[in-house]
Amino acid sequence: LVNMSEEEREEEQKKIGAVSALPKITQAGYASLDLIRYFTC
């Protein structure tokens, strides 16, 4: 998936019926360290 364009990645994920776990993994690692974020806009 990582070597595909965004459109190709979305199409492939629909085709196989599964999505990348990387976003979930990154969020879990961030939360495990008791990190939060605030925004300046």
PDB file of all heavy atoms in Angstrom:
ATOM      1  N   LEU A   1       0.806  -1.218   0.000  1.00  0.00           N
ATOM      2  CA  LEU A   1       0.000   0.000   0.000  1.00  0.00           C
ATOM      3  C   LEU A   1       0.841   1.271   0.000  1.00  0.00           C
ATOM      4  O   LEU A   1       0.472   2.273  -0.619  1.00  0.00           O
ATOM      5  CB  LEU A   1      -0.931   0.013   1.226  1.00  0.00           C
ATOM      6  CG  LEU A   1      -2.034  -1.053   1.283  1.00  0.00           C
ATOM      7  CD1 LEU A   1      -2.798  -0.947   2.601  1.00  0.00           C
ATOM      8  CD2 LEU A   1      -2.995  -0.920   0.103  1.00  0.00           C
ATOM      9  N   VAL A   2       1.986   1.229   0.689  1.00  0.00           N
ATOM     10  CA  VAL A   2       2.756   2.457   0.881  1.00  0.00           C
ATOM     11  C   VAL A   2       3.340   2.986  -0.429  1.00  0.00           C
ATOM     12  O   VAL A   2       3.608   4.185  -0.567  1.00  0.00           O
ATOM     13  CB  VAL A   2       3.872   2.245   1.941  1.00  0.00           C
ATOM     14  CG1 VAL A   2       5.060   1.487   1.362  1.00  0.00           C
ATOM     15  CG2 VAL A   2       4.324   3.575   2.525  1.00  0.00           C
ATOM     16  N   ASN A   3       3.525   2.115  -1.404  1.00  0.00           N
ATOM     17  CA  ASN A   3       4.100   2.543  -2.682  1.00  0.00           C
ATOM     18  C   ASN A   3       3.037   2.951  -3.718  1.00  0.00           C
ATOM     19  O   ASN A   3       3.365   3.246  -4.861  1.00  0.00           O
ATOM     20  CB  ASN A   3       4.980   1.422  -3.260  1.00  0.00           C
ATOM     21  CG  ASN A   3       6.212   1.195  -2.402  1.00  0.00           C
ATOM     22  OD1 ASN A   3       6.867   2.147  -2.007  1.00  0.00           O
ATOM     23  ND2 ASN A   3       6.512  -0.048  -2.089  1.00  0.00           N
ATOM     24  N   MET A   4       1.773   2.945  -3.303  1.00  0.00           N
ATOM     25  CA  MET A   4       0.689   3.320  -4.221  1.00  0.00           C
ATOM     26  C   MET A   4       0.330   4.795  -4.062  1.00  0.00           C
ATOM     27  O   MET A   4       0.589   5.404  -3.020  1.00  0.00           O
ATOM     28  CB  MET A   4      -0.564   2.482  -3.920  1.00  0.00           C
ATOM     29  CG  MET A   4      -0.403   0.996  -4.176  1.00  0.00           C
ATOM     30  SD  MET A   4      -1.945   0.114  -3.749  1.00  0.00           S
ATOM     31  CE  MET A   4      -1.456  -1.583  -4.087  1.00  0.00           C
ATOM     32  N   SER A   5      -0.283   5.343  -5.082  1.00  0.00           N
ATOM     33  CA  SER A   5      -0.842   6.693  -4.955  1.00  0.00           C
ATOM     34  C   SER A   5      -2.058   6.610  -4.037  1.00  0.00           C
ATOM     35  O   SER A   5      -2.567   5.518  -3.766  1.00  0.00           O
ATOM     36  CB  SER A   5      -1.272   7.218  -6.326  1.00  0.00           C
ATOM     37  OG  SER A   5      -2.404   6.478  -6.785  1.00  0.00           O
ATOM     38  N   GLU A   6      -2.532   7.775  -3.585  1.00  0.00           N
ATOM     39  CA  GLU A   6      -3.678   7.780  -2.673  1.00  0.00           C
ATOM     40  C   GLU A   6      -4.902   7.122  -3.310  1.00  0.00           C
ATOM     41  O   GLU A   6      -5.616   6.343  -2.670  1.00  0.00           O
ATOM     42  CB  GLU A   6      -3.995   9.215  -2.264  1.00  0.00           C
ATOM     43  CG  GLU A   6      -4.853   9.299  -1.009  1.00  0.00           C
ATOM     44  CD  GLU A   6      -4.922  10.714  -0.451  1.00  0.00           C
ATOM     45  OE1 GLU A   6      -3.982  11.494  -0.659  1.00  0.00           O
ATOM     46  OE2 GLU A   6      -5.942  11.012   0.182  1.00  0.00           O
ATOM     47  N   GLU A   7      -5.134   7.419  -4.606  1.00  0.00           N
ATOM     48  CA  GLU A   7      -6.293   6.844  -5.305  1.00  0.00           C
ATOM     49  C   GLU A   7      -6.149   5.318  -5.430  1.00  0.00           C
ATOM     50  O   GLU A   7      -7.097   4.570  -5.177  1.00  0.00           O
ATOM     51  CB  GLU A   7      -6.444   7.458  -6.706  1.00  0.00           C
ATOM     52  CG  GLU A   7      -6.779   8.927  -6.732  1.00  0.00           C
ATOM     53  CD  GLU A   7      -5.594   9.828  -6.384  1.00  0.00           C
ATOM     54  OE1 GLU A   7      -4.436   9.359  -6.541  1.00  0.00           O
ATOM     55  OE2 GLU A   7      -5.825  10.962  -5.948  1.00  0.00           O
ATOM     56  N   GLU A   8      -4.944   4.879  -5.807  1.00  0.00           N
ATOM     57  CA  GLU A   8      -4.695   3.432  -5.936  1.00  0.00           C
ATOM     58  C   GLU A   8      -4.875   2.718  -4.597  1.00  0.00           C
ATOM     59  O   GLU A   8      -5.435   1.631  -4.529  1.00  0.00           O
ATOM     60  CB  GLU A   8      -3.272   3.185  -6.455  1.00  0.00           C
ATOM     61  CG  GLU A   8      -3.058   3.560  -7.905  1.00  0.00           C
ATOM     62  CD  GLU A   8      -1.596   3.481  -8.305  1.00  0.00           C
ATOM     63  OE1 GLU A   8      -0.714   3.650  -7.426  1.00  0.00           O
ATOM     64  OE2 GLU A   8      -1.333   3.264  -9.505  1.00  0.00           O
ATOM     65  N   ARG A   9      -4.391   3.382  -3.528  1.00  0.00           N
ATOM     66  CA  ARG A   9      -4.483   2.784  -2.194  1.00  0.00           C
ATOM     67  C   ARG A   9      -5.946   2.618  -1.786  1.00  0.00           C
ATOM     68  O   ARG A   9      -6.341   1.570  -1.268  1.00  0.00           O
ATOM     69  CB  ARG A   9      -3.725   3.662  -1.188  1.00  0.00           C
ATOM     70  CG  ARG A   9      -3.528   3.025   0.170  1.00  0.00           C
ATOM     71  CD  ARG A   9      -2.377   3.651   0.947  1.00  0.00           C
ATOM     72  NE  ARG A   9      -2.479   5.093   1.078  1.00  0.00           N
ATOM     73  CZ  ARG A   9      -1.572   5.948   0.615  1.00  0.00           C
ATOM     74  NH1 ARG A   9      -0.513   5.515  -0.030  1.00  0.00           N
ATOM     75  NH2 ARG A   9      -1.729   7.246   0.788  1.00  0.00           N
ATOM     76  N   GLU A  10      -6.751   3.649  -2.013  1.00  0.00           N
ATOM     77  CA  GLU A  10      -8.179   3.573  -1.663  1.00  0.00           C
ATOM     78  C   GLU A  10      -8.872   2.474  -2.460  1.00  0.00           C
ATOM     79  O   GLU A  10      -9.687   1.717  -1.912  1.00  0.00           O
ATOM     80  CB  GLU A  10      -8.852   4.921  -1.919  1.00  0.00           C
ATOM     81  CG  GLU A  10      -8.549   5.954  -0.855  1.00  0.00           C
ATOM     82  CD  GLU A  10      -9.224   7.289  -1.125  1.00  0.00           C
ATOM     83  OE1 GLU A  10     -10.139   7.338  -1.980  1.00  0.00           O
ATOM     84  OE2 GLU A  10      -8.827   8.285  -0.492  1.00  0.00           O
ATOM     85  N   GLU A  11      -8.548   2.401  -3.734  1.00  0.00           N
ATOM     86  CA  GLU A  11      -9.155   1.385  -4.605  1.00  0.00           C
ATOM     87  C   GLU A  11      -8.776  -0.023  -4.148  1.00  0.00           C
ATOM     88  O   GLU A  11      -9.621  -0.927  -4.079  1.00  0.00           O
ATOM     89  CB  GLU A  11      -8.681   1.619  -6.046  1.00  0.00           C
ATOM     90  CG  GLU A  11      -9.376   0.752  -7.087  1.00  0.00           C
ATOM     91  CD  GLU A  11     -10.884   0.997  -7.144  1.00  0.00           C
ATOM     92  OE1 GLU A  11     -11.330   2.146  -6.984  1.00  0.00           O
ATOM     93  OE2 GLU A  11     -11.612  -0.008  -7.339  1.00  0.00           O
ATOM     94  N   GLU A  12      -7.497  -0.220  -3.819  1.00  0.00           N
ATOM     95  CA  GLU A  12      -7.017  -1.534  -3.381  1.00  0.00           C
ATOM     96  C   GLU A  12      -7.662  -1.940  -2.056  1.00  0.00           C
ATOM     97  O   GLU A  12      -8.048  -3.093  -1.860  1.00  0.00           O
ATOM     98  CB  GLU A  12      -5.490  -1.509  -3.243  1.00  0.00           C
ATOM     99  CG  GLU A  12      -4.853  -2.826  -2.813  1.00  0.00           C
ATOM    100  CD  GLU A  12      -5.049  -3.956  -3.817  1.00  0.00           C
ATOM    101  OE1 GLU A  12      -5.399  -3.684  -4.981  1.00  0.00           O
ATOM    102  OE2 GLU A  12      -4.858  -5.121  -3.430  1.00  0.00           O
ATOM    103  N   GLN A  13      -7.813  -0.996  -1.131  1.00  0.00           N
ATOM    104  CA  GLN A  13      -8.407  -1.291   0.173  1.00  0.00           C
ATOM    105  C   GLN A  13      -9.881  -1.680   0.021  1.00  0.00           C
ATOM    106  O   GLN A  13     -10.362  -2.575   0.713  1.00  0.00           O
ATOM    107  CB  GLN A  13      -8.242  -0.090   1.116  1.00  0.00           C
ATOM    108  CG  GLN A  13      -6.792   0.084   1.571  1.00  0.00           C
ATOM    109  CD  GLN A  13      -6.568   1.291   2.470  1.00  0.00           C
ATOM    110  OE1 GLN A  13      -5.762   1.253   3.377  1.00  0.00           O
ATOM    111  NE2 GLN A  13      -7.273   2.380   2.222  1.00  0.00           N
ATOM    112  N   LYS A  14     -10.583  -1.014  -0.913  1.00  0.00           N
ATOM    113  CA  LYS A  14     -11.981  -1.399  -1.187  1.00  0.00           C
ATOM    114  C   LYS A  14     -12.038  -2.799  -1.773  1.00  0.00           C
ATOM    115  O   LYS A  14     -12.895  -3.608  -1.413  1.00  0.00           O
ATOM    116  CB  LYS A  14     -12.603  -0.407  -2.189  1.00  0.00           C
ATOM    117  CG  LYS A  14     -13.121   0.868  -1.562  1.00  0.00           C
ATOM    118  CD  LYS A  14     -13.752   1.752  -2.640  1.00  0.00           C
ATOM    119  CE  LYS A  14     -13.971   3.157  -2.111  1.00  0.00           C
ATOM    120  NZ  LYS A  14     -14.359   4.077  -3.191  1.00  0.00           N
ATOM    121  N   LYS A  15     -11.120  -3.069  -2.669  1.00  0.00           N
ATOM    122  CA  LYS A  15     -11.099  -4.359  -3.365  1.00  0.00           C
ATOM    123  C   LYS A  15     -10.882  -5.528  -2.403  1.00  0.00           C
ATOM    124  O   LYS A  15     -11.553  -6.549  -2.483  1.00  0.00           O
ATOM    125  CB  LYS A  15      -9.982  -4.322  -4.416  1.00  0.00           C
ATOM    126  CG  LYS A  15      -9.846  -5.576  -5.266  1.00  0.00           C
ATOM    127  CD  LYS A  15      -8.722  -5.379  -6.276  1.00  0.00           C
ATOM    128  CE  LYS A  15      -8.185  -6.707  -6.748  1.00  0.00           C
ATOM    129  NZ  LYS A  15      -6.972  -6.528  -7.572  1.00  0.00           N
ATOM    130  N   ILE A  16      -9.931  -5.378  -1.460  1.00  0.00           N
ATOM    131  CA  ILE A  16      -9.617  -6.500  -0.543  1.00  0.00           C
ATOM    132  C   ILE A  16     -10.491  -6.480   0.714  1.00  0.00           C
ATOM    133  O   ILE A  16     -10.506  -7.443   1.482  1.00  0.00           O
ATOM    134  CB  ILE A  16      -8.126  -6.506  -0.148  1.00  0.00           C
ATOM    135  CG1 ILE A  16      -7.768  -5.239   0.637  1.00  0.00           C
ATOM    136  CG2 ILE A  16      -7.233  -6.673  -1.371  1.00  0.00           C
ATOM    137  CD1 ILE A  16      -6.342  -5.237   1.176  1.00  0.00           C
ATOM    138  N   GLY A  17     -11.202  -5.379   0.953  1.00  0.00           N
ATOM    139  CA  GLY A  17     -12.074  -5.305   2.126  1.00  0.00           C
ATOM    140  C   GLY A  17     -11.323  -5.137   3.429  1.00  0.00           C
ATOM    141  O   GLY A  17     -11.767  -5.586   4.487  1.00  0.00           O
ATOM    142  N   ALA A  18     -10.161  -4.488   3.362  1.00  0.00           N
ATOM    143  CA  ALA A  18      -9.372  -4.238   4.572  1.00  0.00           C
ATOM    144  C   ALA A  18      -8.602  -2.939   4.379  1.00  0.00           C
ATOM    145  O   ALA A  18      -8.268  -2.565   3.263  1.00  0.00           O
ATOM    146  CB  ALA A  18      -8.399  -5.385   4.818  1.00  0.00           C
ATOM    147  N   VAL A  19      -8.343  -2.238   5.497  1.00  0.00           N
ATOM    148  CA  VAL A  19      -7.634  -0.963   5.409  1.00  0.00           C
ATOM    149  C   VAL A  19      -6.295  -1.050   6.137  1.00  0.00           C
ATOM    150  O   VAL A  19      -6.083  -1.932   6.977  1.00  0.00           O
ATOM    151  CB  VAL A  19      -8.470   0.194   6.010  1.00  0.00           C
ATOM    152  CG1 VAL A  19      -9.756   0.375   5.241  1.00  0.00           C
ATOM    153  CG2 VAL A  19      -8.754  -0.052   7.490  1.00  0.00           C
ATOM    154  N   SER A  20      -5.426  -0.123   5.816  1.00  0.00           N
ATOM    155  CA  SER A  20      -4.128  -0.037   6.481  1.00  0.00           C
ATOM    156  C   SER A  20      -4.324   0.148   7.988  1.00  0.00           C
ATOM    157  O   SER A  20      -5.201   0.885   8.433  1.00  0.00           O
ATOM    158  CB  SER A  20      -3.334   1.150   5.924  1.00  0.00           C
ATOM    159  OG  SER A  20      -2.227   1.434   6.745  1.00  0.00           O
ATOM    160  N   ALA A  21      -3.462  -0.514   8.762  1.00  0.00           N
ATOM    161  CA  ALA A  21      -3.530  -0.387  10.227  1.00  0.00           C
ATOM    162  C   ALA A  21      -2.603   0.709  10.739  1.00  0.00           C
ATOM    163  O   ALA A  21      -2.565   0.983  11.938  1.00  0.00           O
ATOM    164  CB  ALA A  21      -3.158  -1.720  10.881  1.00  0.00           C
ATOM    165  N   LEU A  22      -1.848   1.355   9.838  1.00  0.00           N
ATOM    166  CA  LEU A  22      -0.843   2.327  10.286  1.00  0.00           C
ATOM    167  C   LEU A  22      -1.434   3.511  11.059  1.00  0.00           C
ATOM    168  O   LEU A  22      -0.877   3.897  12.090  1.00  0.00           O
ATOM    169  CB  LEU A  22      -0.016   2.830   9.098  1.00  0.00           C
ATOM    170  CG  LEU A  22       0.837   1.780   8.376  1.00  0.00           C
ATOM    171  CD1 LEU A  22       1.708   2.444   7.328  1.00  0.00           C
ATOM    172  CD2 LEU A  22       1.692   0.984   9.347  1.00  0.00           C
ATOM    173  N   PRO A  23      -2.557   4.117  10.607  1.00  0.00           N
ATOM    174  CA  PRO A  23      -3.120   5.216  11.398  1.00  0.00           C
ATOM    175  C   PRO A  23      -3.478   4.777  12.829  1.00  0.00           C
ATOM    176  O   PRO A  23      -3.177   5.481  13.788  1.00  0.00           O
ATOM    177  CB  PRO A  23      -4.372   5.617  10.605  1.00  0.00           C
ATOM    178  CG  PRO A  23      -4.069   5.216   9.201  1.00  0.00           C
ATOM    179  CD  PRO A  23      -3.271   3.950   9.323  1.00  0.00           C
ATOM    180  N   LYS A  24      -4.105   3.618  12.944  1.00  0.00           N
ATOM    181  CA  LYS A  24      -4.498   3.098  14.265  1.00  0.00           C
ATOM    182  C   LYS A  24      -3.272   2.852  15.141  1.00  0.00           C
ATOM    183  O   LYS A  24      -3.263   3.152  16.344  1.00  0.00           O
ATOM    184  CB  LYS A  24      -5.292   1.795  14.078  1.00  0.00           C
ATOM    185  CG  LYS A  24      -5.885   1.238  15.361  1.00  0.00           C
ATOM    186  CD  LYS A  24      -6.707  -0.009  15.058  1.00  0.00           C
ATOM    187  CE  LYS A  24      -7.339  -0.555  16.335  1.00  0.00           C
ATOM    188  NZ  LYS A  24      -8.128  -1.779  16.059  1.00  0.00           N
ATOM    189  N   ILE A  25      -2.217   2.296  14.541  1.00  0.00           N
ATOM    190  CA  ILE A  25      -0.990   2.001  15.285  1.00  0.00           C
ATOM    191  C   ILE A  25      -0.337   3.289  15.775  1.00  0.00           C
ATOM    192  O   ILE A  25       0.079   3.396  16.935  1.00  0.00           O
ATOM    193  CB  ILE A  25      -0.014   1.190  14.394  1.00  0.00           C
ATOM    194  CG1 ILE A  25      -0.552  -0.232  14.191  1.00  0.00           C
ATOM    195  CG2 ILE A  25       1.383   1.160  15.005  1.00  0.00           C
ATOM    196  CD1 ILE A  25       0.196  -1.034  13.132  1.00  0.00           C
ATOM    197  N   THR A  26      -0.262   4.291  14.899  1.00  0.00           N
ATOM    198  CA  THR A  26       0.360   5.561  15.277  1.00  0.00           C
ATOM    199  C   THR A  26      -0.415   6.228  16.406  1.00  0.00           C
ATOM    200  O   THR A  26       0.163   6.722  17.381  1.00  0.00           O
ATOM    201  CB  THR A  26       0.425   6.513  14.060  1.00  0.00           C
ATOM    202  OG1 THR A  26       1.015   5.818  12.963  1.00  0.00           O
ATOM    203  CG2 THR A  26       1.256   7.740  14.364  1.00  0.00           C
ATOM    204  N   GLN A  27      -1.747   6.238  16.300  1.00  0.00           N
ATOM    205  CA  GLN A  27      -2.578   6.841  17.348  1.00  0.00           C
ATOM    206  C   GLN A  27      -2.423   6.095  18.675  1.00  0.00           C
ATOM    207  O   GLN A  27      -2.366   6.710  19.740  1.00  0.00           O
ATOM    208  CB  GLN A  27      -4.043   6.855  16.905  1.00  0.00           C
ATOM    209  CG  GLN A  27      -4.317   7.874  15.805  1.00  0.00           C
ATOM    210  CD  GLN A  27      -5.636   7.628  15.078  1.00  0.00           C
ATOM    211  OE1 GLN A  27      -6.145   6.514  15.032  1.00  0.00           O
ATOM    212  NE2 GLN A  27      -6.186   8.675  14.476  1.00  0.00           N
ATOM    213  N   ALA A  28      -2.335   4.762  18.611  1.00  0.00           N
ATOM    214  CA  ALA A  28      -2.191   3.953  19.832  1.00  0.00           C
ATOM    215  C   ALA A  28      -0.848   4.229  20.510  1.00  0.00           C
ATOM    216  O   ALA A  28      -0.774   4.338  21.740  1.00  0.00           O
ATOM    217  CB  ALA A  28      -2.311   2.464  19.500  1.00  0.00           C
ATOM    218  N   GLY A  29       0.214   4.356  19.711  1.00  0.00           N
ATOM    219  CA  GLY A  29       1.527   4.649  20.289  1.00  0.00           C
ATOM    220  C   GLY A  29       1.557   6.008  20.952  1.00  0.00           C
ATOM    221  O   GLY A  29       2.092   6.177  22.054  1.00  0.00           O
ATOM    222  N   TYR A  30       0.944   6.986  20.313  1.00  0.00           N
ATOM    223  CA  TYR A  30       0.864   8.356  20.845  1.00  0.00           C
ATOM    224  C   TYR A  30       0.104   8.351  22.177  1.00  0.00           C
ATOM    225  O   TYR A  30       0.557   8.922  23.171  1.00  0.00           O
ATOM    226  CB  TYR A  30       0.159   9.212  19.801  1.00  0.00           C
ATOM    227  CG  TYR A  30       0.208  10.711  19.993  1.00  0.00           C
ATOM    228  CD1 TYR A  30       1.297  11.461  19.545  1.00  0.00           C
ATOM    229  CD2 TYR A  30      -0.860  11.391  20.570  1.00  0.00           C
ATOM    230  CE1 TYR A  30       1.326  12.841  19.674  1.00  0.00           C
ATOM    231  CE2 TYR A  30      -0.846  12.768  20.704  1.00  0.00           C
ATOM    232  CZ  TYR A  30       0.253  13.491  20.252  1.00  0.00           C
ATOM    233  OH  TYR A  30       0.271  14.865  20.387  1.00  0.00           O
ATOM    234  N   ALA A  31      -1.042   7.665  22.202  1.00  0.00           N
ATOM    235  CA  ALA A  31      -1.870   7.616  23.418  1.00  0.00           C
ATOM    236  C   ALA A  31      -1.166   6.856  24.538  1.00  0.00           C
ATOM    237  O   ALA A  31      -1.298   7.197  25.714  1.00  0.00           O
ATOM    238  CB  ALA A  31      -3.214   6.961  23.107  1.00  0.00           C
ATOM    239  N   SER A  32      -0.396   5.815  24.189  1.00  0.00           N
ATOM    240  CA  SER A  32       0.268   5.000  25.221  1.00  0.00           C
ATOM    241  C   SER A  32       1.287   5.817  26.012  1.00  0.00           C
ATOM    242  O   SER A  32       1.604   5.500  27.152  1.00  0.00           O
ATOM    243  CB  SER A  32       0.954   3.784  24.590  1.00  0.00           C
ATOM    244  OG  SER A  32       2.161   4.145  23.933  1.00  0.00           O
ATOM    245  N   LEU A  33       1.803   6.888  25.408  1.00  0.00           N
ATOM    246  CA  LEU A  33       2.779   7.751  26.075  1.00  0.00           C
ATOM    247  C   LEU A  33       2.110   8.877  26.864  1.00  0.00           C
ATOM    248  O   LEU A  33       2.783   9.774  27.364  1.00  0.00           O
ATOM    249  CB  LEU A  33       3.734   8.353  25.035  1.00  0.00           C
ATOM    250  CG  LEU A  33       4.582   7.348  24.236  1.00  0.00           C
ATOM    251  CD1 LEU A  33       5.362   8.062  23.141  1.00  0.00           C
ATOM    252  CD2 LEU A  33       5.519   6.581  25.157  1.00  0.00           C
ATOM    253  N   ASP A  34       0.765   8.824  26.974  1.00  0.00           N
ATOM    254  CA  ASP A  34      -0.011   9.865  27.664  1.00  0.00           C
ATOM    255  C   ASP A  34       0.186  11.227  27.009  1.00  0.00           C
ATOM    256  O   ASP A  34       0.231  12.261  27.671  1.00  0.00           O
ATOM    257  CB  ASP A  34       0.352   9.947  29.153  1.00  0.00           C
ATOM    258  CG  ASP A  34      -0.223   8.796  29.955  1.00  0.00           C
ATOM    259  OD1 ASP A  34      -1.442   8.575  29.873  1.00  0.00           O
ATOM    260  OD2 ASP A  34       0.541   8.091  30.642  1.00  0.00           O
ATOM    261  N   LEU A  35       0.308  11.218  25.674  1.00  0.00           N
ATOM    262  CA  LEU A  35       0.445  12.473  24.940  1.00  0.00           C
ATOM    263  C   LEU A  35      -0.923  12.949  24.447  1.00  0.00           C
ATOM    264  O   LEU A  35      -1.768  12.139  24.067  1.00  0.00           O
ATOM    265  CB  LEU A  35       1.376  12.285  23.736  1.00  0.00           C
ATOM    266  CG  LEU A  35       2.822  11.912  24.059  1.00  0.00           C
ATOM    267  CD1 LEU A  35       3.596  11.622  22.787  1.00  0.00           C
ATOM    268  CD2 LEU A  35       3.509  13.015  24.865  1.00  0.00           C
ATOM    269  N   ILE A  36      -1.128  14.258  24.486  1.00  0.00           N
ATOM    270  CA  ILE A  36      -2.325  14.872  23.918  1.00  0.00           C
ATOM    271  C   ILE A  36      -1.852  16.036  23.054  1.00  0.00           C
ATOM    272  O   ILE A  36      -0.660  16.340  23.007  1.00  0.00           O
ATOM    273  CB  ILE A  36      -3.321  15.356  24.997  1.00  0.00           C
ATOM    274  CG1 ILE A  36      -2.665  16.409  25.910  1.00  0.00           C
ATOM    275  CG2 ILE A  36      -3.841  14.186  25.811  1.00  0.00           C
ATOM    276  CD1 ILE A  36      -3.637  17.085  26.874  1.00  0.00           C
ATOM    277  N   ARG A  37      -2.763  16.721  22.359  1.00  0.00           N
ATOM    278  CA  ARG A  37      -2.354  17.871  21.572  1.00  0.00           C
ATOM    279  C   ARG A  37      -3.366  19.007  21.676  1.00  0.00           C
ATOM    280  O   ARG A  37      -4.555  18.777  21.855  1.00  0.00           O
ATOM    281  CB  ARG A  37      -2.126  17.509  20.118  1.00  0.00           C
ATOM    282  CG  ARG A  37      -3.234  16.709  19.452  1.00  0.00           C
ATOM    283  CD  ARG A  37      -2.578  15.678  18.537  1.00  0.00           C
ATOM    284  NE  ARG A  37      -3.483  14.803  17.836  1.00  0.00           N
ATOM    285  CZ  ARG A  37      -3.804  13.575  18.254  1.00  0.00           C
ATOM    286  NH1 ARG A  37      -3.373  13.124  19.411  1.00  0.00           N
ATOM    287  NH2 ARG A  37      -4.569  12.806  17.525  1.00  0.00           N
ATOM    288  N   TYR A  38      -2.812  20.200  21.581  1.00  0.00           N
ATOM    289  CA  TYR A  38      -3.678  21.382  21.448  1.00  0.00           C
ATOM    290  C   TYR A  38      -3.314  22.056  20.137  1.00  0.00           C
ATOM    291  O   TYR A  38      -2.286  21.747  19.516  1.00  0.00           O
ATOM    292  CB  TYR A  38      -3.540  22.320  22.651  1.00  0.00           C
ATOM    293  CG  TYR A  38      -2.287  23.167  22.708  1.00  0.00           C
ATOM    294  CD1 TYR A  38      -2.245  24.426  22.101  1.00  0.00           C
ATOM    295  CD2 TYR A  38      -1.155  22.733  23.398  1.00  0.00           C
ATOM    296  CE1 TYR A  38      -1.097  25.211  22.164  1.00  0.00           C
ATOM    297  CE2 TYR A  38      -0.018  23.507  23.467  1.00  0.00           C
ATOM    298  CZ  TYR A  38       0.017  24.753  22.853  1.00  0.00           C
ATOM    299  OH  TYR A  38       1.147  25.528  22.905  1.00  0.00           O
ATOM    300  N   PHE A  39      -4.169  22.964  19.687  1.00  0.00           N
ATOM    301  CA  PHE A  39      -3.993  23.563  18.368  1.00  0.00           C
ATOM    302  C   PHE A  39      -3.820  25.077  18.455  1.00  0.00           C
ATOM    303  O   PHE A  39      -4.407  25.729  19.326  1.00  0.00           O
ATOM    304  CB  PHE A  39      -5.205  23.269  17.474  1.00  0.00           C
ATOM    305  CG  PHE A  39      -5.518  21.803  17.323  1.00  0.00           C
ATOM    306  CD1 PHE A  39      -6.559  21.210  18.031  1.00  0.00           C
ATOM    307  CD2 PHE A  39      -4.756  21.001  16.474  1.00  0.00           C
ATOM    308  CE1 PHE A  39      -6.846  19.858  17.898  1.00  0.00           C
ATOM    309  CE2 PHE A  39      -5.027  19.648  16.332  1.00  0.00           C
ATOM    310  CZ  PHE A  39      -6.080  19.069  17.048  1.00  0.00           C
ATOM    311  N   THR A  40      -3.012  25.617  17.550  1.00  0.00           N
ATOM    312  CA  THR A  40      -3.026  27.060  17.287  1.00  0.00           C
ATOM    313  C   THR A  40      -3.467  27.216  15.835  1.00  0.00           C
ATOM    314  O   THR A  40      -3.022  26.463  14.959  1.00  0.00           O
ATOM    315  CB  THR A  40      -1.634  27.698  17.506  1.00  0.00           C
ATOM    316  OG1 THR A  40      -0.649  26.961  16.776  1.00  0.00           O
ATOM    317  CG2 THR A  40      -1.272  27.701  18.975  1.00  0.00           C
ATOM    318  N   CYS A  41      -4.359  28.164  15.590  1.00  0.00           N
ATOM    319  CA  CYS A  41      -5.007  28.249  14.273  1.00  0.00           C
ATOM    320  C   CYS A  41      -4.999  29.672  13.726  1.00  0.00           C
ATOM    321  O   CYS A  41      -5.152  30.636  14.483  1.00  0.00           O
ATOM    322  CB  CYS A  41      -6.459  27.783  14.374  1.00  0.00           C
ATOM    323  SG  CYS A  41      -6.645  26.100  14.986  1.00  0.00           S
TER     324      CYS A  41
END
